[in-house]
Amino acid sequence: MKINLKEKLFYNIGEVAEAFNVNPSLIRYWEKEFEILNPKKTLKGTRKYNSVDINNLKLIYNLLKNRGFTIEGAKEKIKSESKKIEIVEKLERIKAQLILIEKEI
């Protein structure tokens, strides 16, 4: 999915909503539903989305709008994918340790 956003560190909710062609209220709703979507907030409560938030929004948008998942189905898919990522990261750490051990021998 191609998002039309200028390269910046932070985006406000209006810019993000326009880029995804959805209402800001939908993005606020997704924030409540998905733990992975957690933008920074200023003291006034203005939401500031960074590149990680934008990537998470792309994932959520794709699952819900393009692939037809329900909210609950999308949550489960995200949870299972994050578990896979954790496993791969653990395996990579183990591999690095084994390589160090092999070099010491």
PDB file of N, CA and C in Angstrom:
ATOM      1  N   MET A   1       0.839  -1.179   0.000  1.00  0.00           N
ATOM      2  CA  MET A   1       0.000   0.000   0.000  1.00  0.00           C
ATOM      3  C   MET A   1       0.882   1.239   0.000  1.00  0.00           C
ATOM      4  N   LYS A   2       0.625   2.141  -0.890  1.00  0.00           N
ATOM      5  CA  LYS A   2       1.394   3.379  -1.011  1.00  0.00           C
ATOM      6  C   LYS A   2       0.665   4.490  -0.282  1.00  0.00           C
ATOM      7  N   ILE A   3       1.339   5.060   0.707  1.00  0.00           N
ATOM      8  CA  ILE A   3       0.778   6.166   1.480  1.00  0.00           C
ATOM      9  C   ILE A   3       1.452   7.450   1.017  1.00  0.00           C
ATOM     10  N   ASN A   4       0.667   8.482   0.814  1.00  0.00           N
ATOM     11  CA  ASN A   4       1.175   9.740   0.306  1.00  0.00           C
ATOM     12  C   ASN A   4       1.413  10.709   1.467  1.00  0.00           C
ATOM     13  N   LEU A   5       2.544  10.547   2.154  1.00  0.00           N
ATOM     14  CA  LEU A   5       2.920  11.421   3.258  1.00  0.00           C
ATOM     15  C   LEU A   5       4.300  11.999   2.999  1.00  0.00           C
ATOM     16  N   LYS A   6       4.487  13.287   3.325  1.00  0.00           N
ATOM     17  CA  LYS A   6       5.813  13.891   3.232  1.00  0.00           C
ATOM     18  C   LYS A   6       6.699  13.256   4.293  1.00  0.00           C
ATOM     19  N   GLU A   7       7.995  13.239   4.042  1.00  0.00           N
ATOM     20  CA  GLU A   7       8.948  12.648   4.978  1.00  0.00           C
ATOM     21  C   GLU A   7       9.132  13.581   6.172  1.00  0.00           C
ATOM     22  N   LYS A   8       8.597  13.159   7.337  1.00  0.00           N
ATOM     23  CA  LYS A   8       8.721  13.923   8.578  1.00  0.00           C
ATOM     24  C   LYS A   8       8.916  12.945   9.728  1.00  0.00           C
ATOM     25  N   LEU A   9       9.317  13.477  10.878  1.00  0.00           N
ATOM     26  CA  LEU A   9       9.440  12.634  12.060  1.00  0.00           C
ATOM     27  C   LEU A   9       8.077  12.295  12.651  1.00  0.00           C
ATOM     28  N   PHE A  10       7.181  13.285  12.689  1.00  0.00           N
ATOM     29  CA  PHE A  10       5.865  13.085  13.287  1.00  0.00           C
ATOM     30  C   PHE A  10       4.774  13.661  12.385  1.00  0.00           C
ATOM     31  N   TYR A  11       3.622  13.009  12.435  1.00  0.00           N
ATOM     32  CA  TYR A  11       2.451  13.441  11.665  1.00  0.00           C
ATOM     33  C   TYR A  11       1.281  13.607  12.619  1.00  0.00           C
ATOM     34  N   ASN A  12       0.419  14.576  12.339  1.00  0.00           N
ATOM     35  CA  ASN A  12      -0.784  14.699  13.170  1.00  0.00           C
ATOM     36  C   ASN A  12      -1.893  13.807  12.604  1.00  0.00           C
ATOM     37  N   ILE A  13      -2.952  13.657  13.361  1.00  0.00           N
ATOM     38  CA  ILE A  13      -4.009  12.716  12.988  1.00  0.00           C
ATOM     39  C   ILE A  13      -4.703  13.116  11.684  1.00  0.00           C
ATOM     40  N   GLY A  14      -4.801  14.409  11.416  1.00  0.00           N
ATOM     41  CA  GLY A  14      -5.429  14.864  10.176  1.00  0.00           C
ATOM     42  C   GLY A  14      -4.640  14.434   8.947  1.00  0.00           C
ATOM     43  N   GLU A  15      -3.311  14.569   9.024  1.00  0.00           N
ATOM     44  CA  GLU A  15      -2.455  14.151   7.911  1.00  0.00           C
ATOM     45  C   GLU A  15      -2.547  12.650   7.677  1.00  0.00           C
ATOM     46  N   VAL A  16      -2.550  11.905   8.776  1.00  0.00           N
ATOM     47  CA  VAL A  16      -2.599  10.444   8.678  1.00  0.00           C
ATOM     48  C   VAL A  16      -3.948   9.997   8.115  1.00  0.00           C
ATOM     49  N   ALA A  17      -5.018  10.583   8.621  1.00  0.00           N
ATOM     50  CA  ALA A  17      -6.357  10.225   8.154  1.00  0.00           C
ATOM     51  C   ALA A  17      -6.504  10.524   6.656  1.00  0.00           C
ATOM     52  N   GLU A  18      -5.983  11.648   6.236  1.00  0.00           N
ATOM     53  CA  GLU A  18      -6.061  12.009   4.819  1.00  0.00           C
ATOM     54  C   GLU A  18      -5.247  11.038   3.959  1.00  0.00           C
ATOM     55  N   ALA A  19      -4.068  10.652   4.439  1.00  0.00           N
ATOM     56  CA  ALA A  19      -3.218   9.731   3.684  1.00  0.00           C
ATOM     57  C   ALA A  19      -3.884   8.366   3.516  1.00  0.00           C
ATOM     58  N   PHE A  20      -4.613   7.922   4.546  1.00  0.00           N
ATOM     59  CA  PHE A  20      -5.285   6.627   4.477  1.00  0.00           C
ATOM     60  C   PHE A  20      -6.710   6.737   3.931  1.00  0.00           C
ATOM     61  N   ASN A  21      -7.149   7.966   3.676  1.00  0.00           N
ATOM     62  CA  ASN A  21      -8.489   8.221   3.164  1.00  0.00           C
ATOM     63  C   ASN A  21      -9.573   7.668   4.094  1.00  0.00           C
ATOM     64  N   VAL A  22      -9.401   7.940   5.394  1.00  0.00           N
ATOM     65  CA  VAL A  22     -10.382   7.552   6.410  1.00  0.00           C
ATOM     66  C   VAL A  22     -10.620   8.750   7.323  1.00  0.00           C
ATOM     67  N   ASN A  23     -11.642   8.659   8.137  1.00  0.00           N
ATOM     68  CA  ASN A  23     -11.921   9.713   9.112  1.00  0.00           C
ATOM     69  C   ASN A  23     -10.977   9.597  10.307  1.00  0.00           C
ATOM     70  N   PRO A  24     -10.609  10.729  10.914  1.00  0.00           N
ATOM     71  CA  PRO A  24      -9.779  10.673  12.119  1.00  0.00           C
ATOM     72  C   PRO A  24     -10.413   9.850  13.233  1.00  0.00           C
ATOM     73  N   SER A  25     -11.739   9.837  13.288  1.00  0.00           N
ATOM     74  CA  SER A  25     -12.418   9.058  14.332  1.00  0.00           C
ATOM     75  C   SER A  25     -12.140   7.562  14.178  1.00  0.00           C
ATOM     76  N   LEU A  26     -11.979   7.086  12.949  1.00  0.00           N
ATOM     77  CA  LEU A  26     -11.670   5.675  12.728  1.00  0.00           C
ATOM     78  C   LEU A  26     -10.274   5.344  13.261  1.00  0.00           C
ATOM     79  N   ILE A  27      -9.332   6.242  13.053  1.00  0.00           N
ATOM     80  CA  ILE A  27      -7.977   6.019  13.559  1.00  0.00           C
ATOM     81  C   ILE A  27      -7.981   6.028  15.083  1.00  0.00           C
ATOM     82  N   ARG A  28      -8.736   6.939  15.686  1.00  0.00           N
ATOM     83  CA  ARG A  28      -8.840   6.950  17.155  1.00  0.00           C
ATOM     84  C   ARG A  28      -9.477   5.659  17.655  1.00  0.00           C
ATOM     85  N   TYR A  29     -10.450   5.139  16.942  1.00  0.00           N
ATOM     86  CA  TYR A  29     -11.082   3.872  17.314  1.00  0.00           C
ATOM     87  C   TYR A  29     -10.072   2.730  17.235  1.00  0.00           C
ATOM     88  N   TRP A  30      -9.295   2.701  16.156  1.00  0.00           N
ATOM     89  CA  TRP A  30      -8.285   1.653  16.017  1.00  0.00           C
ATOM     90  C   TRP A  30      -7.261   1.724  17.143  1.00  0.00           C
ATOM     91  N   GLU A  31      -6.941   2.932  17.608  1.00  0.00           N
ATOM     92  CA  GLU A  31      -6.015   3.080  18.738  1.00  0.00           C
ATOM     93  C   GLU A  31      -6.541   2.357  19.975  1.00  0.00           C
ATOM     94  N   LYS A  32      -7.838   2.448  20.186  1.00  0.00           N
ATOM     95  CA  LYS A  32      -8.448   1.789  21.345  1.00  0.00           C
ATOM     96  C   LYS A  32      -8.456   0.271  21.185  1.00  0.00           C
ATOM     97  N   GLU A  33      -8.582  -0.200  19.968  1.00  0.00           N
ATOM     98  CA  GLU A  33      -8.727  -1.627  19.704  1.00  0.00           C
ATOM     99  C   GLU A  33      -7.397  -2.372  19.568  1.00  0.00           C
ATOM    100  N   PHE A  34      -6.369  -1.710  19.050  1.00  0.00           N
ATOM    101  CA  PHE A  34      -5.102  -2.387  18.747  1.00  0.00           C
ATOM    102  C   PHE A  34      -3.991  -1.839  19.633  1.00  0.00           C
ATOM    103  N   GLU A  35      -3.385  -2.735  20.411  1.00  0.00           N
ATOM    104  CA  GLU A  35      -2.311  -2.350  21.328  1.00  0.00           C
ATOM    105  C   GLU A  35      -1.074  -1.839  20.598  1.00  0.00           C
ATOM    106  N   ILE A  36      -0.846  -2.327  19.380  1.00  0.00           N
ATOM    107  CA  ILE A  36       0.366  -1.930  18.657  1.00  0.00           C
ATOM    108  C   ILE A  36       0.302  -0.487  18.173  1.00  0.00           C
ATOM    109  N   LEU A  37      -0.866   0.101  18.189  1.00  0.00           N
ATOM    110  CA  LEU A  37      -1.032   1.476  17.732  1.00  0.00           C
ATOM    111  C   LEU A  37      -1.094   2.389  18.950  1.00  0.00           C
ATOM    112  N   ASN A  38       0.011   3.068  19.200  1.00  0.00           N
ATOM    113  CA  ASN A  38       0.108   3.882  20.403  1.00  0.00           C
ATOM    114  C   ASN A  38       0.917   5.149  20.104  1.00  0.00           C
ATOM    115  N   PRO A  39       0.288   6.151  19.466  1.00  0.00           N
ATOM    116  CA  PRO A  39       1.035   7.362  19.122  1.00  0.00           C
ATOM    117  C   PRO A  39       1.373   8.177  20.375  1.00  0.00           C
ATOM    118  N   LYS A  40       2.406   8.961  20.251  1.00  0.00           N
ATOM    119  CA  LYS A  40       2.764   9.876  21.333  1.00  0.00           C
ATOM    120  C   LYS A  40       1.711  10.966  21.387  1.00  0.00           C
ATOM    121  N   LYS A  41       1.510  11.521  22.581  1.00  0.00           N
ATOM    122  CA  LYS A  41       0.572  12.628  22.738  1.00  0.00           C
ATOM    123  C   LYS A  41       1.281  13.797  23.398  1.00  0.00           C
ATOM    124  N   THR A  42       0.970  14.995  22.917  1.00  0.00           N
ATOM    125  CA  THR A  42       1.527  16.196  23.522  1.00  0.00           C
ATOM    126  C   THR A  42       0.784  16.477  24.824  1.00  0.00           C
ATOM    127  N   LEU A  43       1.238  17.483  25.548  1.00  0.00           N
ATOM    128  CA  LEU A  43       0.570  17.851  26.797  1.00  0.00           C
ATOM    129  C   LEU A  43      -0.894  18.243  26.569  1.00  0.00           C
ATOM    130  N   LYS A  44      -1.170  18.772  25.403  1.00  0.00           N
ATOM    131  CA  LYS A  44      -2.550  19.134  25.057  1.00  0.00           C
ATOM    132  C   LYS A  44      -3.367  17.940  24.602  1.00  0.00           C
ATOM    133  N   GLY A  45      -2.721  16.797  24.376  1.00  0.00           N
ATOM    134  CA  GLY A  45      -3.428  15.606  23.935  1.00  0.00           C
ATOM    135  C   GLY A  45      -3.418  15.384  22.436  1.00  0.00           C
ATOM    136  N   THR A  46      -2.669  16.215  21.707  1.00  0.00           N
ATOM    137  CA  THR A  46      -2.559  16.060  20.260  1.00  0.00           C
ATOM    138  C   THR A  46      -1.745  14.815  19.948  1.00  0.00           C
ATOM    139  N   ARG A  47      -2.274  13.965  19.095  1.00  0.00           N
ATOM    140  CA  ARG A  47      -1.582  12.741  18.723  1.00  0.00           C
ATOM    141  C   ARG A  47      -0.489  13.034  17.701  1.00  0.00           C
ATOM    142  N   LYS A  48       0.666  12.397  17.904  1.00  0.00           N
ATOM    143  CA  LYS A  48       1.785  12.531  16.979  1.00  0.00           C
ATOM    144  C   LYS A  48       2.226  11.129  16.568  1.00  0.00           C
ATOM    145  N   TYR A  49       2.067  10.828  15.302  1.00  0.00           N
ATOM    146  CA  TYR A  49       2.369   9.502  14.756  1.00  0.00           C
ATOM    147  C   TYR A  49       3.761   9.509  14.145  1.00  0.00           C
ATOM    148  N   ASN A  50       4.579   8.490  14.474  1.00  0.00           N
ATOM    149  CA  ASN A  50       5.901   8.360  13.874  1.00  0.00           C
ATOM    150  C   ASN A  50       5.860   7.264  12.805  1.00  0.00           C
ATOM    151  N   SER A  51       7.000   6.942  12.231  1.00  0.00           N
ATOM    152  CA  SER A  51       7.032   5.964  11.138  1.00  0.00           C
ATOM    153  C   SER A  51       6.592   4.567  11.594  1.00  0.00           C
ATOM    154  N   VAL A  52       6.884   4.197  12.835  1.00  0.00           N
ATOM    155  CA  VAL A  52       6.433   2.895  13.354  1.00  0.00           C
ATOM    156  C   VAL A  52       4.906   2.864  13.428  1.00  0.00           C
ATOM    157  N   ASP A  53       4.315   3.957  13.913  1.00  0.00           N
ATOM    158  CA  ASP A  53       2.851   4.040  13.970  1.00  0.00           C
ATOM    159  C   ASP A  53       2.241   3.954  12.572  1.00  0.00           C
ATOM    160  N   ILE A  54       2.867   4.600  11.604  1.00  0.00           N
ATOM    161  CA  ILE A  54       2.366   4.570  10.223  1.00  0.00           C
ATOM    162  C   ILE A  54       2.429   3.147   9.682  1.00  0.00           C
ATOM    163  N   ASN A  55       3.525   2.438   9.939  1.00  0.00           N
ATOM    164  CA  ASN A  55       3.633   1.048   9.481  1.00  0.00           C
ATOM    165  C   ASN A  55       2.585   0.168  10.153  1.00  0.00           C
ATOM    166  N   ASN A  56       2.331   0.385  11.440  1.00  0.00           N
ATOM    167  CA  ASN A  56       1.298  -0.376  12.136  1.00  0.00           C
ATOM    168  C   ASN A  56      -0.084  -0.061  11.574  1.00  0.00           C
ATOM    169  N   LEU A  57      -0.314   1.202  11.237  1.00  0.00           N
ATOM    170  CA  LEU A  57      -1.583   1.570  10.605  1.00  0.00           C
ATOM    171  C   LEU A  57      -1.741   0.910   9.245  1.00  0.00           C
ATOM    172  N   LYS A  58      -0.651   0.831   8.490  1.00  0.00           N
ATOM    173  CA  LYS A  58      -0.701   0.144   7.190  1.00  0.00           C
ATOM    174  C   LYS A  58      -1.107  -1.311   7.377  1.00  0.00           C
ATOM    175  N   LEU A  59      -0.528  -1.958   8.378  1.00  0.00           N
ATOM    176  CA  LEU A  59      -0.856  -3.353   8.663  1.00  0.00           C
ATOM    177  C   LEU A  59      -2.326  -3.491   9.034  1.00  0.00           C
ATOM    178  N   ILE A  60      -2.786  -2.662   9.946  1.00  0.00           N
ATOM    179  CA  ILE A  60      -4.190  -2.715  10.387  1.00  0.00           C
ATOM    180  C   ILE A  60      -5.124  -2.429   9.214  1.00  0.00           C
ATOM    181  N   TYR A  61      -4.823  -1.384   8.453  1.00  0.00           N
ATOM    182  CA  TYR A  61      -5.653  -1.023   7.307  1.00  0.00           C
ATOM    183  C   TYR A  61      -5.733  -2.175   6.316  1.00  0.00           C
ATOM    184  N   ASN A  62      -4.581  -2.783   6.026  1.00  0.00           N
ATOM    185  CA  ASN A  62      -4.547  -3.891   5.075  1.00  0.00           C
ATOM    186  C   ASN A  62      -5.399  -5.062   5.555  1.00  0.00           C
ATOM    187  N   LEU A  63      -5.252  -5.422   6.827  1.00  0.00           N
ATOM    188  CA  LEU A  63      -6.025  -6.547   7.354  1.00  0.00           C
ATOM    189  C   LEU A  63      -7.527  -6.264   7.338  1.00  0.00           C
ATOM    190  N   LEU A  64      -7.917  -5.067   7.739  1.00  0.00           N
ATOM    191  CA  LEU A  64      -9.341  -4.754   7.859  1.00  0.00           C
ATOM    192  C   LEU A  64      -9.993  -4.384   6.531  1.00  0.00           C
ATOM    193  N   LYS A  65      -9.361  -3.511   5.795  1.00  0.00           N
ATOM    194  CA  LYS A  65      -9.990  -2.969   4.585  1.00  0.00           C
ATOM    195  C   LYS A  65      -9.722  -3.814   3.329  1.00  0.00           C
ATOM    196  N   ASN A  66      -8.494  -4.277   3.174  1.00  0.00           N
ATOM    197  CA  ASN A  66      -8.150  -5.002   1.954  1.00  0.00           C
ATOM    198  C   ASN A  66      -8.417  -6.496   2.056  1.00  0.00           C
ATOM    199  N   ARG A  67      -8.091  -7.082   3.200  1.00  0.00           N
ATOM    200  CA  ARG A  67      -8.211  -8.538   3.337  1.00  0.00           C
ATOM    201  C   ARG A  67      -9.514  -8.962   4.005  1.00  0.00           C
ATOM    202  N   GLY A  68     -10.290  -8.021   4.531  1.00  0.00           N
ATOM    203  CA  GLY A  68     -11.615  -8.330   5.046  1.00  0.00           C
ATOM    204  C   GLY A  68     -11.658  -8.971   6.425  1.00  0.00           C
ATOM    205  N   PHE A  69     -10.604  -8.828   7.212  1.00  0.00           N
ATOM    206  CA  PHE A  69     -10.605  -9.368   8.568  1.00  0.00           C
ATOM    207  C   PHE A  69     -11.572  -8.586   9.451  1.00  0.00           C
ATOM    208  N   THR A  70     -12.097  -9.245  10.460  1.00  0.00           N
ATOM    209  CA  THR A  70     -12.834  -8.540  11.506  1.00  0.00           C
ATOM    210  C   THR A  70     -11.811  -7.949  12.467  1.00  0.00           C
ATOM    211  N   ILE A  71     -12.264  -7.092  13.376  1.00  0.00           N
ATOM    212  CA  ILE A  71     -11.363  -6.518  14.376  1.00  0.00           C
ATOM    213  C   ILE A  71     -10.700  -7.635  15.175  1.00  0.00           C
ATOM    214  N   GLU A  72     -11.495  -8.591  15.646  1.00  0.00           N
ATOM    215  CA  GLU A  72     -10.951  -9.693  16.447  1.00  0.00           C
ATOM    216  C   GLU A  72      -9.995 -10.559  15.624  1.00  0.00           C
ATOM    217  N   GLY A  73     -10.346 -10.812  14.382  1.00  0.00           N
ATOM    218  CA  GLY A  73      -9.488 -11.603  13.506  1.00  0.00           C
ATOM    219  C   GLY A  73      -8.161 -10.910  13.255  1.00  0.00           C
ATOM    220  N   ALA A  74      -8.205  -9.600  13.064  1.00  0.00           N
ATOM    221  CA  ALA A  74      -6.981  -8.830  12.842  1.00  0.00           C
ATOM    222  C   ALA A  74      -6.109  -8.836  14.096  1.00  0.00           C
ATOM    223  N   LYS A  75      -6.729  -8.733  15.261  1.00  0.00           N
ATOM    224  CA  LYS A  75      -5.966  -8.791  16.522  1.00  0.00           C
ATOM    225  C   LYS A  75      -5.241 -10.119  16.648  1.00  0.00           C
ATOM    226  N   GLU A  76      -5.935 -11.208  16.338  1.00  0.00           N
ATOM    227  CA  GLU A  76      -5.323 -12.544  16.423  1.00  0.00           C
ATOM    228  C   GLU A  76      -4.181 -12.683  15.424  1.00  0.00           C
ATOM    229  N   LYS A  77      -4.369 -12.190  14.216  1.00  0.00           N
ATOM    230  CA  LYS A  77      -3.334 -12.265  13.181  1.00  0.00           C
ATOM    231  C   LYS A  77      -2.099 -11.493  13.621  1.00  0.00           C
ATOM    232  N   ILE A  78      -2.289 -10.306  14.149  1.00  0.00           N
ATOM    233  CA  ILE A  78      -1.167  -9.486  14.614  1.00  0.00           C
ATOM    234  C   ILE A  78      -0.453 -10.171  15.771  1.00  0.00           C
ATOM    235  N   LYS A  79      -1.224 -10.753  16.684  1.00  0.00           N
ATOM    236  CA  LYS A  79      -0.634 -11.443  17.831  1.00  0.00           C
ATOM    237  C   LYS A  79       0.192 -12.643  17.372  1.00  0.00           C
ATOM    238  N   SER A  80      -0.327 -13.432  16.436  1.00  0.00           N
ATOM    239  CA  SER A  80       0.410 -14.607  15.961  1.00  0.00           C
ATOM    240  C   SER A  80       1.670 -14.191  15.204  1.00  0.00           C
ATOM    241  N   GLU A  81       1.591 -13.106  14.443  1.00  0.00           N
ATOM    242  CA  GLU A  81       2.766 -12.621  13.719  1.00  0.00           C
ATOM    243  C   GLU A  81       3.827 -12.116  14.683  1.00  0.00           C
ATOM    244  N   SER A  82       3.406 -11.441  15.758  1.00  0.00           N
ATOM    245  CA  SER A  82       4.391 -10.934  16.715  1.00  0.00           C
ATOM    246  C   SER A  82       5.064 -12.088  17.451  1.00  0.00           C
ATOM    247  N   LYS A  83       4.329 -13.192  17.695  1.00  0.00           N
ATOM    248  CA  LYS A  83       4.944 -14.360  18.318  1.00  0.00           C
ATOM    249  C   LYS A  83       5.988 -14.966  17.393  1.00  0.00           C
ATOM    250  N   LYS A  84       5.691 -15.011  16.089  1.00  0.00           N
ATOM    251  CA  LYS A  84       6.657 -15.536  15.126  1.00  0.00           C
ATOM    252  C   LYS A  84       7.913 -14.680  15.116  1.00  0.00           C
ATOM    253  N   ILE A  85       7.748 -13.384  15.177  1.00  0.00           N
ATOM    254  CA  ILE A  85       8.890 -12.471  15.174  1.00  0.00           C
ATOM    255  C   ILE A  85       9.733 -12.683  16.428  1.00  0.00           C
ATOM    256  N   GLU A  86       9.078 -12.861  17.588  1.00  0.00           N
ATOM    257  CA  GLU A  86       9.798 -13.116  18.835  1.00  0.00           C
ATOM    258  C   GLU A  86      10.624 -14.388  18.732  1.00  0.00           C
ATOM    259  N   ILE A  87      10.050 -15.428  18.174  1.00  0.00           N
ATOM    260  CA  ILE A  87      10.751 -16.702  18.035  1.00  0.00           C
ATOM    261  C   ILE A  87      11.976 -16.538  17.133  1.00  0.00           C
ATOM    262  N   VAL A  88      11.817 -15.841  16.021  1.00  0.00           N
ATOM    263  CA  VAL A  88      12.932 -15.629  15.101  1.00  0.00           C
ATOM    264  C   VAL A  88      14.038 -14.828  15.793  1.00  0.00           C
ATOM    265  N   GLU A  89      13.660 -13.803  16.557  1.00  0.00           N
ATOM    266  CA  GLU A  89      14.662 -12.998  17.264  1.00  0.00           C
ATOM    267  C   GLU A  89      15.419 -13.845  18.296  1.00  0.00           C
ATOM    268  N   LYS A  90      14.702 -14.706  19.017  1.00  0.00           N
ATOM    269  CA  LYS A  90      15.357 -15.587  19.985  1.00  0.00           C
ATOM    270  C   LYS A  90      16.326 -16.528  19.282  1.00  0.00           C
ATOM    271  N   LEU A  91      15.900 -17.096  18.170  1.00  0.00           N
ATOM    272  CA  LEU A  91      16.767 -17.999  17.415  1.00  0.00           C
ATOM    273  C   LEU A  91      18.009 -17.277  16.894  1.00  0.00           C
ATOM    274  N   GLU A  92      17.853 -16.032  16.475  1.00  0.00           N
ATOM    275  CA  GLU A  92      19.003 -15.266  16.002  1.00  0.00           C
ATOM    276  C   GLU A  92      19.989 -14.994  17.136  1.00  0.00           C
ATOM    277  N   ARG A  93      19.480 -14.715  18.346  1.00  0.00           N
ATOM    278  CA  ARG A  93      20.356 -14.507  19.499  1.00  0.00           C
ATOM    279  C   ARG A  93      21.095 -15.793  19.847  1.00  0.00           C
ATOM    280  N   ILE A  94      20.395 -16.916  19.813  1.00  0.00           N
ATOM    281  CA  ILE A  94      21.022 -18.209  20.098  1.00  0.00           C
ATOM    282  C   ILE A  94      22.107 -18.508  19.065  1.00  0.00           C
ATOM    283  N   LYS A  95      21.801 -18.231  17.807  1.00  0.00           N
ATOM    284  CA  LYS A  95      22.773 -18.464  16.737  1.00  0.00           C
ATOM    285  C   LYS A  95      24.027 -17.627  16.968  1.00  0.00           C
ATOM    286  N   ALA A  96      23.848 -16.357  17.339  1.00  0.00           N
ATOM    287  CA  ALA A  96      24.991 -15.479  17.599  1.00  0.00           C
ATOM    288  C   ALA A  96      25.830 -16.004  18.758  1.00  0.00           C
ATOM    289  N   GLN A  97      25.169 -16.499  19.805  1.00  0.00           N
ATOM    290  CA  GLN A  97      25.900 -17.068  20.940  1.00  0.00           C
ATOM    291  C   GLN A  97      26.671 -18.309  20.523  1.00  0.00           C
ATOM    292  N   LEU A  98      26.060 -19.156  19.729  1.00  0.00           N
ATOM    293  CA  LEU A  98      26.731 -20.376  19.256  1.00  0.00           C
ATOM    294  C   LEU A  98      27.942 -20.043  18.389  1.00  0.00           C
ATOM    295  N   ILE A  99      27.825 -19.023  17.585  1.00  0.00           N
ATOM    296  CA  ILE A  99      28.960 -18.606  16.748  1.00  0.00           C
ATOM    297  C   ILE A  99      30.108 -18.125  17.631  1.00  0.00           C
ATOM    298  N   LEU A 100      29.778 -17.366  18.685  1.00  0.00           N
ATOM    299  CA  LEU A 100      30.821 -16.917  19.622  1.00  0.00           C
ATOM    300  C   LEU A 100      31.491 -18.089  20.307  1.00  0.00           C
ATOM    301  N   ILE A 101      30.696 -19.053  20.723  1.00  0.00           N
ATOM    302  CA  ILE A 101      31.237 -20.242  21.386  1.00  0.00           C
ATOM    303  C   ILE A 101      32.151 -21.004  20.423  1.00  0.00           C
ATOM    304  N   GLU A 102      31.717 -21.129  19.183  1.00  0.00           N
ATOM    305  CA  GLU A 102      32.512 -21.839  18.178  1.00  0.00           C
ATOM    306  C   GLU A 102      33.850 -21.149  17.954  1.00  0.00           C
ATOM    307  N   LYS A 103      33.867 -19.823  17.945  1.00  0.00           N
ATOM    308  CA  LYS A 103      35.105 -19.072  17.738  1.00  0.00           C
ATOM    309  C   LYS A 103      36.062 -19.245  18.918  1.00  0.00           C
ATOM    310  N   GLU A 104      35.504 -19.394  20.126  1.00  0.00           N
ATOM    311  CA  GLU A 104      36.325 -19.557  21.315  1.00  0.00           C
ATOM    312  C   GLU A 104      36.966 -20.941  21.378  1.00  0.00           C
ATOM    313  N   ILE A 105      36.354 -21.892  20.747  1.00  0.00           N
ATOM    314  CA  ILE A 105      36.854 -23.274  20.797  1.00  0.00           C
ATOM    315  C   ILE A 105      37.997 -23.450  19.879  1.00  0.00           C
TER     316      ILE A 105
END
